[in-house]
């Protein structure tokens, strides 16, 4: 089942990817890499794991996180999400989507316009 990235508040699908997928980015202040794994469960997204190279403002590994190979790994304690909103920013490095260990910058796939995007299960 696929996950779509679309223009927020629009039905225009910009990118369709098979789930699960990883949304990766660099923290804007500490420059710490953060990777979020998403899977599709029916009509919702499930955030299955978060990995971070270290703590960052607003991104503190919880007490149940485990350290492996320099990354903090944890499963967020949140309910499935109908969607996730984020801005296609280029700073500091922009978002990347990753599948099977290969990452591509969203700006390379969608252009460098700083648009509000929505990630959700494809219809």
PDB file of N, CA and C in Angstrom:
ATOM      1  N   UNK A   1       0.842  -1.165   0.000  1.00  0.00           N
ATOM      2  CA  UNK A   1       0.000   0.000   0.000  1.00  0.00           C
ATOM      3  C   UNK A   1       0.887   1.227   0.000  1.00  0.00           C
ATOM      4  N   UNK A   2       0.487   2.239  -0.708  1.00  0.00           N
ATOM      5  CA  UNK A   2       1.336   3.386  -0.946  1.00  0.00           C
ATOM      6  C   UNK A   2       1.048   4.555  -0.010  1.00  0.00           C
ATOM      7  N   UNK A   3       2.083   5.384   0.123  1.00  0.00           N
ATOM      8  CA  UNK A   3       1.992   6.638   0.846  1.00  0.00           C
ATOM      9  C   UNK A   3       2.206   7.747  -0.175  1.00  0.00           C
ATOM     10  N   UNK A   4       1.361   8.768  -0.137  1.00  0.00           N
ATOM     11  CA  UNK A   4       1.443   9.877  -1.082  1.00  0.00           C
ATOM     12  C   UNK A   4       1.923  11.138  -0.387  1.00  0.00           C
ATOM     13  N   UNK A   5       2.702  11.917  -1.120  1.00  0.00           N
ATOM     14  CA  UNK A   5       3.058  13.261  -0.689  1.00  0.00           C
ATOM     15  C   UNK A   5       2.374  14.198  -1.669  1.00  0.00           C
ATOM     16  N   UNK A   6       1.560  15.091  -1.126  1.00  0.00           N
ATOM     17  CA  UNK A   6       0.734  15.979  -1.946  1.00  0.00           C
ATOM     18  C   UNK A   6       0.892  17.408  -1.454  1.00  0.00           C
ATOM     19  N   UNK A   7       0.432  18.344  -2.263  1.00  0.00           N
ATOM     20  CA  UNK A   7       0.337  19.715  -1.799  1.00  0.00           C
ATOM     21  C   UNK A   7      -0.699  19.757  -0.689  1.00  0.00           C
ATOM     22  N   UNK A   8      -0.378  20.393   0.412  1.00  0.00           N
ATOM     23  CA  UNK A   8      -1.335  20.496   1.508  1.00  0.00           C
ATOM     24  C   UNK A   8      -2.554  21.276   1.036  1.00  0.00           C
ATOM     25  N   UNK A   9      -3.717  20.896   1.544  1.00  0.00           N
ATOM     26  CA  UNK A   9      -4.992  21.537   1.224  1.00  0.00           C
ATOM     27  C   UNK A   9      -5.323  21.437  -0.262  1.00  0.00           C
ATOM     28  N   UNK A  10      -4.845  20.375  -0.894  1.00  0.00           N
ATOM     29  CA  UNK A  10      -5.069  20.166  -2.316  1.00  0.00           C
ATOM     30  C   UNK A  10      -5.167  18.671  -2.568  1.00  0.00           C
ATOM     31  N   UNK A  11      -5.706  18.299  -3.684  1.00  0.00           N
ATOM     32  CA  UNK A  11      -5.750  16.877  -4.048  1.00  0.00           C
ATOM     33  C   UNK A  11      -4.644  16.532  -5.038  1.00  0.00           C
ATOM     34  N   UNK A  12      -3.703  17.459  -5.243  1.00  0.00           N
ATOM     35  CA  UNK A  12      -2.620  17.250  -6.200  1.00  0.00           C
ATOM     36  C   UNK A  12      -1.528  16.384  -5.587  1.00  0.00           C
ATOM     37  N   UNK A  13      -1.461  15.127  -6.026  1.00  0.00           N
ATOM     38  CA  UNK A  13      -0.431  14.205  -5.554  1.00  0.00           C
ATOM     39  C   UNK A  13       0.852  14.480  -6.325  1.00  0.00           C
ATOM     40  N   UNK A  14       1.933  14.712  -5.595  1.00  0.00           N
ATOM     41  CA  UNK A  14       3.221  15.015  -6.202  1.00  0.00           C
ATOM     42  C   UNK A  14       4.134  13.801  -6.266  1.00  0.00           C
ATOM     43  N   UNK A  15       3.964  12.893  -5.316  1.00  0.00           N
ATOM     44  CA  UNK A  15       4.857  11.750  -5.207  1.00  0.00           C
ATOM     45  C   UNK A  15       4.107  10.593  -4.573  1.00  0.00           C
ATOM     46  N   UNK A  16       4.253   9.417  -5.149  1.00  0.00           N
ATOM     47  CA  UNK A  16       3.625   8.200  -4.619  1.00  0.00           C
ATOM     48  C   UNK A  16       4.734   7.193  -4.373  1.00  0.00           C
ATOM     49  N   UNK A  17       4.813   6.698  -3.123  1.00  0.00           N
ATOM     50  CA  UNK A  17       5.872   5.754  -2.756  1.00  0.00           C
ATOM     51  C   UNK A  17       5.273   4.566  -2.020  1.00  0.00           C
ATOM     52  N   UNK A  18       5.876   3.427  -2.239  1.00  0.00           N
ATOM     53  CA  UNK A  18       5.433   2.223  -1.540  1.00  0.00           C
ATOM     54  C   UNK A  18       5.846   2.325  -0.074  1.00  0.00           C
ATOM     55  N   UNK A  19       4.961   1.913   0.820  1.00  0.00           N
ATOM     56  CA  UNK A  19       5.305   1.920   2.244  1.00  0.00           C
ATOM     57  C   UNK A  19       5.960   0.579   2.589  1.00  0.00           C
ATOM     58  N   UNK A  20       6.785   0.556   3.613  1.00  0.00           N
ATOM     59  CA  UNK A  20       7.160   1.650   4.508  1.00  0.00           C
ATOM     60  C   UNK A  20       8.187   2.568   3.843  1.00  0.00           C
ATOM     61  N   UNK A  21       8.301   3.778   4.405  1.00  0.00           N
ATOM     62  CA  UNK A  21       9.300   4.720   3.926  1.00  0.00           C
ATOM     63  C   UNK A  21       9.849   5.508   5.097  1.00  0.00           C
ATOM     64  N   UNK A  22      10.984   6.144   4.857  1.00  0.00           N
ATOM     65  CA  UNK A  22      11.631   6.966   5.873  1.00  0.00           C
ATOM     66  C   UNK A  22      11.632   8.413   5.415  1.00  0.00           C
ATOM     67  N   UNK A  23      11.259   9.312   6.308  1.00  0.00           N
ATOM     68  CA  UNK A  23      11.378  10.743   6.085  1.00  0.00           C
ATOM     69  C   UNK A  23      12.555  11.194   6.949  1.00  0.00           C
ATOM     70  N   UNK A  24      13.602  11.740   6.316  1.00  0.00           N
ATOM     71  CA  UNK A  24      14.821  12.118   7.034  1.00  0.00           C
ATOM     72  C   UNK A  24      15.067  13.609   6.883  1.00  0.00           C
ATOM     73  N   UNK A  25      15.672  14.193   7.904  1.00  0.00           N
ATOM     74  CA  UNK A  25      15.982  15.625   7.868  1.00  0.00           C
ATOM     75  C   UNK A  25      17.062  15.929   8.887  1.00  0.00           C
ATOM     76  N   UNK A  26      17.594  17.127   8.793  1.00  0.00           N
ATOM     77  CA  UNK A  26      18.605  17.593   9.726  1.00  0.00           C
ATOM     78  C   UNK A  26      17.978  18.658  10.618  1.00  0.00           C
ATOM     79  N   UNK A  27      18.185  18.530  11.926  1.00  0.00           N
ATOM     80  CA  UNK A  27      17.655  19.510  12.865  1.00  0.00           C
ATOM     81  C   UNK A  27      18.229  20.881  12.516  1.00  0.00           C
ATOM     82  N   UNK A  28      17.380  21.895  12.500  1.00  0.00           N
ATOM     83  CA  UNK A  28      17.788  23.210  12.011  1.00  0.00           C
ATOM     84  C   UNK A  28      18.794  23.930  12.903  1.00  0.00           C
ATOM     85  N   UNK A  29      18.882  23.565  14.172  1.00  0.00           N
ATOM     86  CA  UNK A  29      19.806  24.261  15.074  1.00  0.00           C
ATOM     87  C   UNK A  29      21.053  23.411  15.334  1.00  0.00           C
ATOM     88  N   UNK A  30      20.866  22.185  15.820  1.00  0.00           N
ATOM     89  CA  UNK A  30      21.998  21.345  16.190  1.00  0.00           C
ATOM     90  C   UNK A  30      22.627  20.590  15.025  1.00  0.00           C
ATOM     91  N   UNK A  31      21.942  20.586  13.878  1.00  0.00           N
ATOM     92  CA  UNK A  31      22.415  19.871  12.688  1.00  0.00           C
ATOM     93  C   UNK A  31      22.521  18.358  12.925  1.00  0.00           C
ATOM     94  N   UNK A  32      21.648  17.848  13.774  1.00  0.00           N
ATOM     95  CA  UNK A  32      21.573  16.423  14.073  1.00  0.00           C
ATOM     96  C   UNK A  32      20.631  15.755  13.077  1.00  0.00           C
ATOM     97  N   UNK A  33      21.041  14.641  12.494  1.00  0.00           N
ATOM     98  CA  UNK A  33      20.182  13.922  11.544  1.00  0.00           C
ATOM     99  C   UNK A  33      19.107  13.161  12.311  1.00  0.00           C
ATOM    100  N   UNK A  34      17.892  13.232  11.789  1.00  0.00           N
ATOM    101  CA  UNK A  34      16.744  12.552  12.368  1.00  0.00           C
ATOM    102  C   UNK A  34      16.065  11.773  11.251  1.00  0.00           C
ATOM    103  N   UNK A  35      15.719  10.531  11.514  1.00  0.00           N
ATOM    104  CA  UNK A  35      15.035   9.687  10.546  1.00  0.00           C
ATOM    105  C   UNK A  35      13.765   9.146  11.181  1.00  0.00           C
ATOM    106  N   UNK A  36      12.642   9.291  10.477  1.00  0.00           N
ATOM    107  CA  UNK A  36      11.342   8.813  10.963  1.00  0.00           C
ATOM    108  C   UNK A  36      10.818   7.771   9.987  1.00  0.00           C
ATOM    109  N   UNK A  37      10.521   6.575  10.475  1.00  0.00           N
ATOM    110  CA  UNK A  37       9.978   5.505   9.643  1.00  0.00           C
ATOM    111  C   UNK A  37       8.460   5.500   9.735  1.00  0.00           C
ATOM    112  N   UNK A  38       7.809   5.532   8.570  1.00  0.00           N
ATOM    113  CA  UNK A  38       6.353   5.521   8.487  1.00  0.00           C
ATOM    114  C   UNK A  38       5.890   4.296   7.721  1.00  0.00           C
ATOM    115  N   UNK A  39       4.790   3.727   8.173  1.00  0.00           N
ATOM    116  CA  UNK A  39       4.132   2.645   7.462  1.00  0.00           C
ATOM    117  C   UNK A  39       2.663   3.013   7.353  1.00  0.00           C
ATOM    118  N   UNK A  40       2.001   2.355   6.446  1.00  0.00           N
ATOM    119  CA  UNK A  40       0.569   2.600   6.257  1.00  0.00           C
ATOM    120  C   UNK A  40      -0.210   1.491   6.953  1.00  0.00           C
ATOM    121  N   UNK A  41      -1.224   1.889   7.682  1.00  0.00           N
ATOM    122  CA  UNK A  41      -2.132   0.952   8.337  1.00  0.00           C
ATOM    123  C   UNK A  41      -3.538   1.405   7.989  1.00  0.00           C
ATOM    124  N   UNK A  42      -4.129   0.795   6.961  1.00  0.00           N
ATOM    125  CA  UNK A  42      -5.446   1.206   6.502  1.00  0.00           C
ATOM    126  C   UNK A  42      -5.409   2.630   5.998  1.00  0.00           C
ATOM    127  N   UNK A  43      -6.220   3.494   6.598  1.00  0.00           N
ATOM    128  CA  UNK A  43      -6.289   4.902   6.202  1.00  0.00           C
ATOM    129  C   UNK A  43      -5.460   5.800   7.111  1.00  0.00           C
ATOM    130  N   UNK A  44      -4.408   5.256   7.705  1.00  0.00           N
ATOM    131  CA  UNK A  44      -3.590   6.045   8.632  1.00  0.00           C
ATOM    132  C   UNK A  44      -2.110   5.751   8.424  1.00  0.00           C
ATOM    133  N   UNK A  45      -1.289   6.690   8.894  1.00  0.00           N
ATOM    134  CA  UNK A  45       0.157   6.513   8.935  1.00  0.00           C
ATOM    135  C   UNK A  45       0.549   6.102  10.345  1.00  0.00           C
ATOM    136  N   UNK A  46       1.466   5.170  10.442  1.00  0.00           N
ATOM    137  CA  UNK A  46       1.993   4.764  11.739  1.00  0.00           C
ATOM    138  C   UNK A  46       3.469   5.130  11.768  1.00  0.00           C
ATOM    139  N   UNK A  47       3.853   5.912  12.738  1.00  0.00           N
ATOM    140  CA  UNK A  47       5.256   6.253  12.937  1.00  0.00           C
ATOM    141  C   UNK A  47       5.861   5.108  13.732  1.00  0.00           C
ATOM    142  N   UNK A  48       6.604   4.224  13.040  1.00  0.00           N
ATOM    143  CA  UNK A  48       7.065   2.982  13.657  1.00  0.00           C
ATOM    144  C   UNK A  48       8.376   3.122  14.409  1.00  0.00           C
ATOM    145  N   UNK A  49       9.239   4.056  13.966  1.00  0.00           N
ATOM    146  CA  UNK A  49      10.506   4.244  14.669  1.00  0.00           C
ATOM    147  C   UNK A  49      11.068   5.615  14.344  1.00  0.00           C
ATOM    148  N   UNK A  50      11.769   6.180  15.323  1.00  0.00           N
ATOM    149  CA  UNK A  50      12.539   7.403  15.125  1.00  0.00           C
ATOM    150  C   UNK A  50      13.980   7.077  15.500  1.00  0.00           C
ATOM    151  N   UNK A  51      14.893   7.577  14.668  1.00  0.00           N
ATOM    152  CA  UNK A  51      16.322   7.442  14.952  1.00  0.00           C
ATOM    153  C   UNK A  51      16.942   8.833  14.921  1.00  0.00           C
ATOM    154  N   UNK A  52      17.823   9.089  15.866  1.00  0.00           N
ATOM    155  CA  UNK A  52      18.522  10.367  15.900  1.00  0.00           C
ATOM    156  C   UNK A  52      19.953  10.138  16.363  1.00  0.00           C
ATOM    157  N   UNK A  53      20.853  10.931  15.835  1.00  0.00           N
ATOM    158  CA  UNK A  53      22.272  10.828  16.193  1.00  0.00           C
ATOM    159  C   UNK A  53      22.546  11.397  17.582  1.00  0.00           C
ATOM    160  N   UNK A  54      21.610  12.135  18.124  1.00  0.00           N
ATOM    161  CA  UNK A  54      21.800  12.696  19.452  1.00  0.00           C
ATOM    162  C   UNK A  54      20.634  13.581  19.794  1.00  0.00           C
ATOM    163  N   UNK A  55      20.576  14.054  21.014  1.00  0.00           N
ATOM    164  CA  UNK A  55      19.484  14.935  21.387  1.00  0.00           C
ATOM    165  C   UNK A  55      19.584  16.258  20.643  1.00  0.00           C
ATOM    166  N   UNK A  56      18.440  16.858  20.424  1.00  0.00           N
ATOM    167  CA  UNK A  56      18.356  18.166  19.781  1.00  0.00           C
ATOM    168  C   UNK A  56      17.173  18.890  20.407  1.00  0.00           C
ATOM    169  N   UNK A  57      17.149  20.190  20.307  1.00  0.00           N
ATOM    170  CA  UNK A  57      16.059  20.969  20.891  1.00  0.00           C
ATOM    171  C   UNK A  57      14.725  20.446  20.384  1.00  0.00           C
ATOM    172  N   UNK A  58      13.890  19.991  21.301  1.00  0.00           N
ATOM    173  CA  UNK A  58      12.581  19.451  20.935  1.00  0.00           C
ATOM    174  C   UNK A  58      12.606  18.000  20.497  1.00  0.00           C
ATOM    175  N   UNK A  59      13.783  17.407  20.389  1.00  0.00           N
ATOM    176  CA  UNK A  59      13.915  16.001  19.970  1.00  0.00           C
ATOM    177  C   UNK A  59      14.809  15.299  20.991  1.00  0.00           C
ATOM    178  N   UNK A  60      14.271  15.011  22.119  1.00  0.00           N
ATOM    179  CA  UNK A  60      15.015  14.315  23.160  1.00  0.00           C
ATOM    180  C   UNK A  60      14.644  12.836  23.125  1.00  0.00           C
ATOM    181  N   UNK A  61      15.613  11.926  23.003  1.00  0.00           N
ATOM    182  CA  UNK A  61      15.264  10.506  23.057  1.00  0.00           C
ATOM    183  C   UNK A  61      14.595  10.180  24.394  1.00  0.00           C
ATOM    184  N   UNK A  62      13.479   9.464  24.364  1.00  0.00           N
ATOM    185  CA  UNK A  62      12.795   9.124  25.611  1.00  0.00           C
ATOM    186  C   UNK A  62      13.580   8.079  26.409  1.00  0.00           C
ATOM    187  N   UNK A  63      13.129   7.852  27.632  1.00  0.00           N
ATOM    188  CA  UNK A  63      13.817   6.921  28.532  1.00  0.00           C
ATOM    189  C   UNK A  63      13.913   5.513  27.950  1.00  0.00           C
ATOM    190  N   UNK A  64      12.951   5.105  27.121  1.00  0.00           N
ATOM    191  CA  UNK A  64      12.970   3.743  26.575  1.00  0.00           C
ATOM    192  C   UNK A  64      13.813   3.621  25.295  1.00  0.00           C
ATOM    193  N   UNK A  65      14.453   4.727  24.847  1.00  0.00           N
ATOM    194  CA  UNK A  65      15.286   4.680  23.641  1.00  0.00           C
ATOM    195  C   UNK A  65      16.517   3.813  23.894  1.00  0.00           C
ATOM    196  N   UNK A  66      17.000   3.193  22.806  1.00  0.00           N
ATOM    197  CA  UNK A  66      18.214   2.385  22.935  1.00  0.00           C
ATOM    198  C   UNK A  66      19.266   2.934  21.976  1.00  0.00           C
ATOM    199  N   UNK A  67      20.502   2.903  22.387  1.00  0.00           N
ATOM    200  CA  UNK A  67      21.613   3.399  21.590  1.00  0.00           C
ATOM    201  C   UNK A  67      22.245   2.230  20.855  1.00  0.00           C
ATOM    202  N   UNK A  68      22.343   2.318  19.523  1.00  0.00           N
ATOM    203  CA  UNK A  68      22.960   1.273  18.712  1.00  0.00           C
ATOM    204  C   UNK A  68      23.683   1.915  17.541  1.00  0.00           C
ATOM    205  N   UNK A  69      24.964   1.629  17.405  1.00  0.00           N
ATOM    206  CA  UNK A  69      25.773   2.143  16.298  1.00  0.00           C
ATOM    207  C   UNK A  69      25.726   3.663  16.174  1.00  0.00           C
ATOM    208  N   UNK A  70      25.685   4.365  17.298  1.00  0.00           N
ATOM    209  CA  UNK A  70      25.705   5.826  17.289  1.00  0.00           C
ATOM    210  C   UNK A  70      24.351   6.485  17.077  1.00  0.00           C
ATOM    211  N   UNK A  71      23.291   5.695  16.976  1.00  0.00           N
ATOM    212  CA  UNK A  71      21.932   6.223  16.775  1.00  0.00           C
ATOM    213  C   UNK A  71      21.067   5.854  17.970  1.00  0.00           C
ATOM    214  N   UNK A  72      20.251   6.821  18.411  1.00  0.00           N
ATOM    215  CA  UNK A  72      19.199   6.524  19.384  1.00  0.00           C
ATOM    216  C   UNK A  72      17.986   6.038  18.605  1.00  0.00           C
ATOM    217  N   UNK A  73      17.447   4.883  18.977  1.00  0.00           N
ATOM    218  CA  UNK A  73      16.274   4.286  18.323  1.00  0.00           C
ATOM    219  C   UNK A  73      15.133   4.247  19.333  1.00  0.00           C
ATOM    220  N   UNK A  74      13.958   4.647  18.891  1.00  0.00           N
ATOM    221  CA  UNK A  74      12.792   4.498  19.763  1.00  0.00           C
ATOM    222  C   UNK A  74      11.515   4.503  18.938  1.00  0.00           C
ATOM    223  N   UNK A  75      10.475   3.948  19.557  1.00  0.00           N
ATOM    224  CA  UNK A  75       9.146   3.952  18.950  1.00  0.00           C
ATOM    225  C   UNK A  75       8.311   4.986  19.687  1.00  0.00           C
ATOM    226  N   UNK A  76       7.882   6.029  18.979  1.00  0.00           N
ATOM    227  CA  UNK A  76       7.063   7.050  19.636  1.00  0.00           C
ATOM    228  C   UNK A  76       5.741   6.473  20.130  1.00  0.00           C
ATOM    229  N   UNK A  77       5.286   6.953  21.235  1.00  0.00           N
ATOM    230  CA  UNK A  77       4.040   6.494  21.830  1.00  0.00           C
ATOM    231  C   UNK A  77       2.897   7.383  21.366  1.00  0.00           C
ATOM    232  N   UNK A  78       2.599   7.329  20.051  1.00  0.00           N
ATOM    233  CA  UNK A  78       1.513   8.133  19.502  1.00  0.00           C
ATOM    234  C   UNK A  78       0.575   7.241  18.698  1.00  0.00           C
ATOM    235  N   UNK A  79      -0.645   7.685  18.598  1.00  0.00           N
ATOM    236  CA  UNK A  79      -1.668   6.965  17.830  1.00  0.00           C
ATOM    237  C   UNK A  79      -1.385   7.111  16.329  1.00  0.00           C
ATOM    238  N   UNK A  80      -1.947   6.215  15.506  1.00  0.00           N
ATOM    239  CA  UNK A  80      -1.825   6.392  14.049  1.00  0.00           C
ATOM    240  C   UNK A  80      -2.331   7.769  13.631  1.00  0.00           C
ATOM    241  N   UNK A  81      -1.695   8.310  12.609  1.00  0.00           N
ATOM    242  CA  UNK A  81      -1.985   9.666  12.140  1.00  0.00           C
ATOM    243  C   UNK A  81      -2.741   9.625  10.813  1.00  0.00           C
ATOM    244  N   UNK A  82      -3.756  10.459  10.635  1.00  0.00           N
ATOM    245  CA  UNK A  82      -4.417  10.507   9.336  1.00  0.00           C
ATOM    246  C   UNK A  82      -3.509  11.125   8.274  1.00  0.00           C
ATOM    247  N   UNK A  83      -2.574  12.003   8.720  1.00  0.00           N
ATOM    248  CA  UNK A  83      -1.646  12.663   7.807  1.00  0.00           C
ATOM    249  C   UNK A  83      -0.538  13.331   8.618  1.00  0.00           C
ATOM    250  N   UNK A  84       0.496  13.754   7.917  1.00  0.00           N
ATOM    251  CA  UNK A  84       1.583  14.505   8.531  1.00  0.00           C
ATOM    252  C   UNK A  84       1.885  15.689   7.616  1.00  0.00           C
ATOM    253  N   UNK A  85       1.966  16.880   8.184  1.00  0.00           N
ATOM    254  CA  UNK A  85       2.238  18.092   7.413  1.00  0.00           C
ATOM    255  C   UNK A  85       3.668  18.552   7.668  1.00  0.00           C
ATOM    256  N   UNK A  86       4.342  19.006   6.617  1.00  0.00           N
ATOM    257  CA  UNK A  86       5.681  19.554   6.755  1.00  0.00           C
ATOM    258  C   UNK A  86       5.962  20.471   5.570  1.00  0.00           C
ATOM    259  N   UNK A  87       6.913  21.360   5.727  1.00  0.00           N
ATOM    260  CA  UNK A  87       7.254  22.309   4.671  1.00  0.00           C
ATOM    261  C   UNK A  87       8.468  21.802   3.909  1.00  0.00           C
ATOM    262  N   UNK A  88       8.393  21.868   2.595  1.00  0.00           N
ATOM    263  CA  UNK A  88       9.480  21.440   1.714  1.00  0.00           C
ATOM    264  C   UNK A  88      10.581  22.499   1.726  1.00  0.00           C
ATOM    265  N   UNK A  89      11.275  22.592   2.836  1.00  0.00           N
ATOM    266  CA  UNK A  89      12.300  23.607   3.003  1.00  0.00           C
ATOM    267  C   UNK A  89      13.649  23.096   2.502  1.00  0.00           C
ATOM    268  N   UNK A  90      14.510  23.996   2.139  1.00  0.00           N
ATOM    269  CA  UNK A  90      15.857  23.629   1.711  1.00  0.00           C
ATOM    270  C   UNK A  90      16.870  23.792   2.838  1.00  0.00           C
ATOM    271  N   UNK A  91      16.442  24.415   3.934  1.00  0.00           N
ATOM    272  CA  UNK A  91      17.373  24.662   5.019  1.00  0.00           C
ATOM    273  C   UNK A  91      17.061  23.765   6.201  1.00  0.00           C
ATOM    274  N   UNK A  92      18.029  23.193   6.881  1.00  0.00           N
ATOM    275  CA  UNK A  92      19.432  23.268   6.511  1.00  0.00           C
ATOM    276  C   UNK A  92      19.785  22.368   5.326  1.00  0.00           C
ATOM    277  N   UNK A  93      19.213  21.184   5.240  1.00  0.00           N
ATOM    278  CA  UNK A  93      19.534  20.313   4.108  1.00  0.00           C
ATOM    279  C   UNK A  93      18.303  19.829   3.377  1.00  0.00           C
ATOM    280  N   UNK A  94      17.152  20.191   3.875  1.00  0.00           N
ATOM    281  CA  UNK A  94      15.910  19.746   3.264  1.00  0.00           C
ATOM    282  C   UNK A  94      15.538  18.339   3.695  1.00  0.00           C
ATOM    283  N   UNK A  95      14.319  17.962   3.383  1.00  0.00           N
ATOM    284  CA  UNK A  95      13.836  16.617   3.688  1.00  0.00           C
ATOM    285  C   UNK A  95      14.316  15.636   2.628  1.00  0.00           C
ATOM    286  N   UNK A  96      14.454  14.388   3.053  1.00  0.00           N
ATOM    287  CA  UNK A  96      14.754  13.293   2.135  1.00  0.00           C
ATOM    288  C   UNK A  96      13.717  12.210   2.358  1.00  0.00           C
ATOM    289  N   UNK A  97      13.387  11.481   1.300  1.00  0.00           N
ATOM    290  CA  UNK A  97      12.587  10.270   1.436  1.00  0.00           C
ATOM    291  C   UNK A  97      13.511   9.101   1.114  1.00  0.00           C
ATOM    292  N   UNK A  98      13.390   8.052   1.918  1.00  0.00           N
ATOM    293  CA  UNK A  98      14.301   6.919   1.787  1.00  0.00           C
ATOM    294  C   UNK A  98      13.503   5.620   1.711  1.00  0.00           C
ATOM    295  N   UNK A  99      13.979   4.728   0.837  1.00  0.00           N
ATOM    296  CA  UNK A  99      13.421   3.377   0.704  1.00  0.00           C
ATOM    297  C   UNK A  99      14.588   2.445   0.462  1.00  0.00           C
ATOM    298  N   UNK A 100      14.593   1.324   1.156  1.00  0.00           N
ATOM    299  CA  UNK A 100      15.618   0.293   0.981  1.00  0.00           C
ATOM    300  C   UNK A 100      17.036   0.871   1.077  1.00  0.00           C
ATOM    301  N   UNK A 101      17.237   1.800   2.026  1.00  0.00           N
ATOM    302  CA  UNK A 101      18.562   2.348   2.262  1.00  0.00           C
ATOM    303  C   UNK A 101      19.023   3.419   1.289  1.00  0.00           C
ATOM    304  N   UNK A 102      18.188   3.808   0.334  1.00  0.00           N
ATOM    305  CA  UNK A 102      18.542   4.858  -0.623  1.00  0.00           C
ATOM    306  C   UNK A 102      17.679   6.080  -0.373  1.00  0.00           C
ATOM    307  N   UNK A 103      18.334   7.226  -0.219  1.00  0.00           N
ATOM    308  CA  UNK A 103      17.626   8.470   0.087  1.00  0.00           C
ATOM    309  C   UNK A 103      17.743   9.449  -1.070  1.00  0.00           C
ATOM    310  N   UNK A 104      16.661  10.192  -1.278  1.00  0.00           N
ATOM    311  CA  UNK A 104      16.625  11.220  -2.310  1.00  0.00           C
ATOM    312  C   UNK A 104      16.021  12.478  -1.703  1.00  0.00           C
ATOM    313  N   UNK A 105      16.643  13.610  -1.968  1.00  0.00           N
ATOM    314  CA  UNK A 105      16.118  14.875  -1.460  1.00  0.00           C
ATOM    315  C   UNK A 105      14.777  15.172  -2.114  1.00  0.00           C
ATOM    316  N   UNK A 106      13.820  15.610  -1.301  1.00  0.00           N
ATOM    317  CA  UNK A 106      12.522  15.996  -1.847  1.00  0.00           C
ATOM    318  C   UNK A 106      12.662  17.133  -2.860  1.00  0.00           C
ATOM    319  N   UNK A 107      13.604  18.046  -2.634  1.00  0.00           N
ATOM    320  CA  UNK A 107      13.812  19.151  -3.575  1.00  0.00           C
ATOM    321  C   UNK A 107      14.209  18.631  -4.948  1.00  0.00           C
ATOM    322  N   UNK A 108      14.944  17.516  -4.999  1.00  0.00           N
ATOM    323  CA  UNK A 108      15.324  16.930  -6.284  1.00  0.00           C
ATOM    324  C   UNK A 108      14.128  16.283  -6.972  1.00  0.00           C
ATOM    325  N   UNK A 109      13.184  15.792  -6.189  1.00  0.00           N
ATOM    326  CA  UNK A 109      12.003  15.129  -6.749  1.00  0.00           C
ATOM    327  C   UNK A 109      10.878  16.106  -7.067  1.00  0.00           C
ATOM    328  N   UNK A 110      10.727  17.142  -6.223  1.00  0.00           N
ATOM    329  CA  UNK A 110       9.570  18.024  -6.323  1.00  0.00           C
ATOM    330  C   UNK A 110       9.918  19.469  -6.662  1.00  0.00           C
ATOM    331  N   UNK A 111      11.178  19.785  -6.788  1.00  0.00           N
ATOM    332  CA  UNK A 111      11.584  21.168  -6.993  1.00  0.00           C
ATOM    333  C   UNK A 111      11.858  21.833  -5.661  1.00  0.00           C
ATOM    334  N   UNK A 112      12.448  23.000  -5.735  1.00  0.00           N
ATOM    335  CA  UNK A 112      12.876  23.655  -4.499  1.00  0.00           C
ATOM    336  C   UNK A 112      11.887  24.666  -3.950  1.00  0.00           C
ATOM    337  N   UNK A 113      10.665  24.637  -4.446  1.00  0.00           N
ATOM    338  CA  UNK A 113       9.640  25.534  -3.899  1.00  0.00           C
ATOM    339  C   UNK A 113       9.363  25.151  -2.454  1.00  0.00           C
ATOM    340  N   UNK A 114       9.308  26.128  -1.583  1.00  0.00           N
ATOM    341  CA  UNK A 114       9.088  25.860  -0.167  1.00  0.00           C
ATOM    342  C   UNK A 114       7.592  25.806   0.116  1.00  0.00           C
ATOM    343  N   UNK A 115       6.995  24.685  -0.269  1.00  0.00           N
ATOM    344  CA  UNK A 115       5.554  24.510  -0.151  1.00  0.00           C
ATOM    345  C   UNK A 115       5.201  23.668   1.065  1.00  0.00           C
ATOM    346  N   UNK A 116       4.002  23.878   1.573  1.00  0.00           N
ATOM    347  CA  UNK A 116       3.488  23.039   2.643  1.00  0.00           C
ATOM    348  C   UNK A 116       3.021  21.736   1.997  1.00  0.00           C
ATOM    349  N   UNK A 117       3.531  20.612   2.517  1.00  0.00           N
ATOM    350  CA  UNK A 117       3.217  19.294   1.961  1.00  0.00           C
ATOM    351  C   UNK A 117       2.457  18.458   2.974  1.00  0.00           C
ATOM    352  N   UNK A 118       1.733  17.507   2.467  1.00  0.00           N
ATOM    353  CA  UNK A 118       0.981  16.560   3.288  1.00  0.00           C
ATOM    354  C   UNK A 118       1.390  15.147   2.896  1.00  0.00           C
ATOM    355  N   UNK A 119       1.767  14.348   3.884  1.00  0.00           N
ATOM    356  CA  UNK A 119       2.053  12.937   3.661  1.00  0.00           C
ATOM    357  C   UNK A 119       0.897  12.149   4.266  1.00  0.00           C
ATOM    358  N   UNK A 120       0.297  11.259   3.469  1.00  0.00           N
ATOM    359  CA  UNK A 120      -0.881  10.516   3.914  1.00  0.00           C
ATOM    360  C   UNK A 120      -0.993   9.240   3.096  1.00  0.00           C
ATOM    361  N   UNK A 121      -1.787   8.277   3.573  1.00  0.00           N
ATOM    362  CA  UNK A 121      -2.044   7.108   2.743  1.00  0.00           C
ATOM    363  C   UNK A 121      -2.678   7.529   1.413  1.00  0.00           C
ATOM    364  N   UNK A 122      -2.227   6.932   0.332  1.00  0.00           N
ATOM    365  CA  UNK A 122      -2.823   7.258  -0.974  1.00  0.00           C
ATOM    366  C   UNK A 122      -4.261   6.762  -1.014  1.00  0.00           C
ATOM    367  N   UNK A 123      -5.110   7.503  -1.744  1.00  0.00           N
ATOM    368  CA  UNK A 123      -6.511   7.065  -1.877  1.00  0.00           C
ATOM    369  C   UNK A 123      -6.603   5.778  -2.680  1.00  0.00           C
TER     370      UNK A 123
END
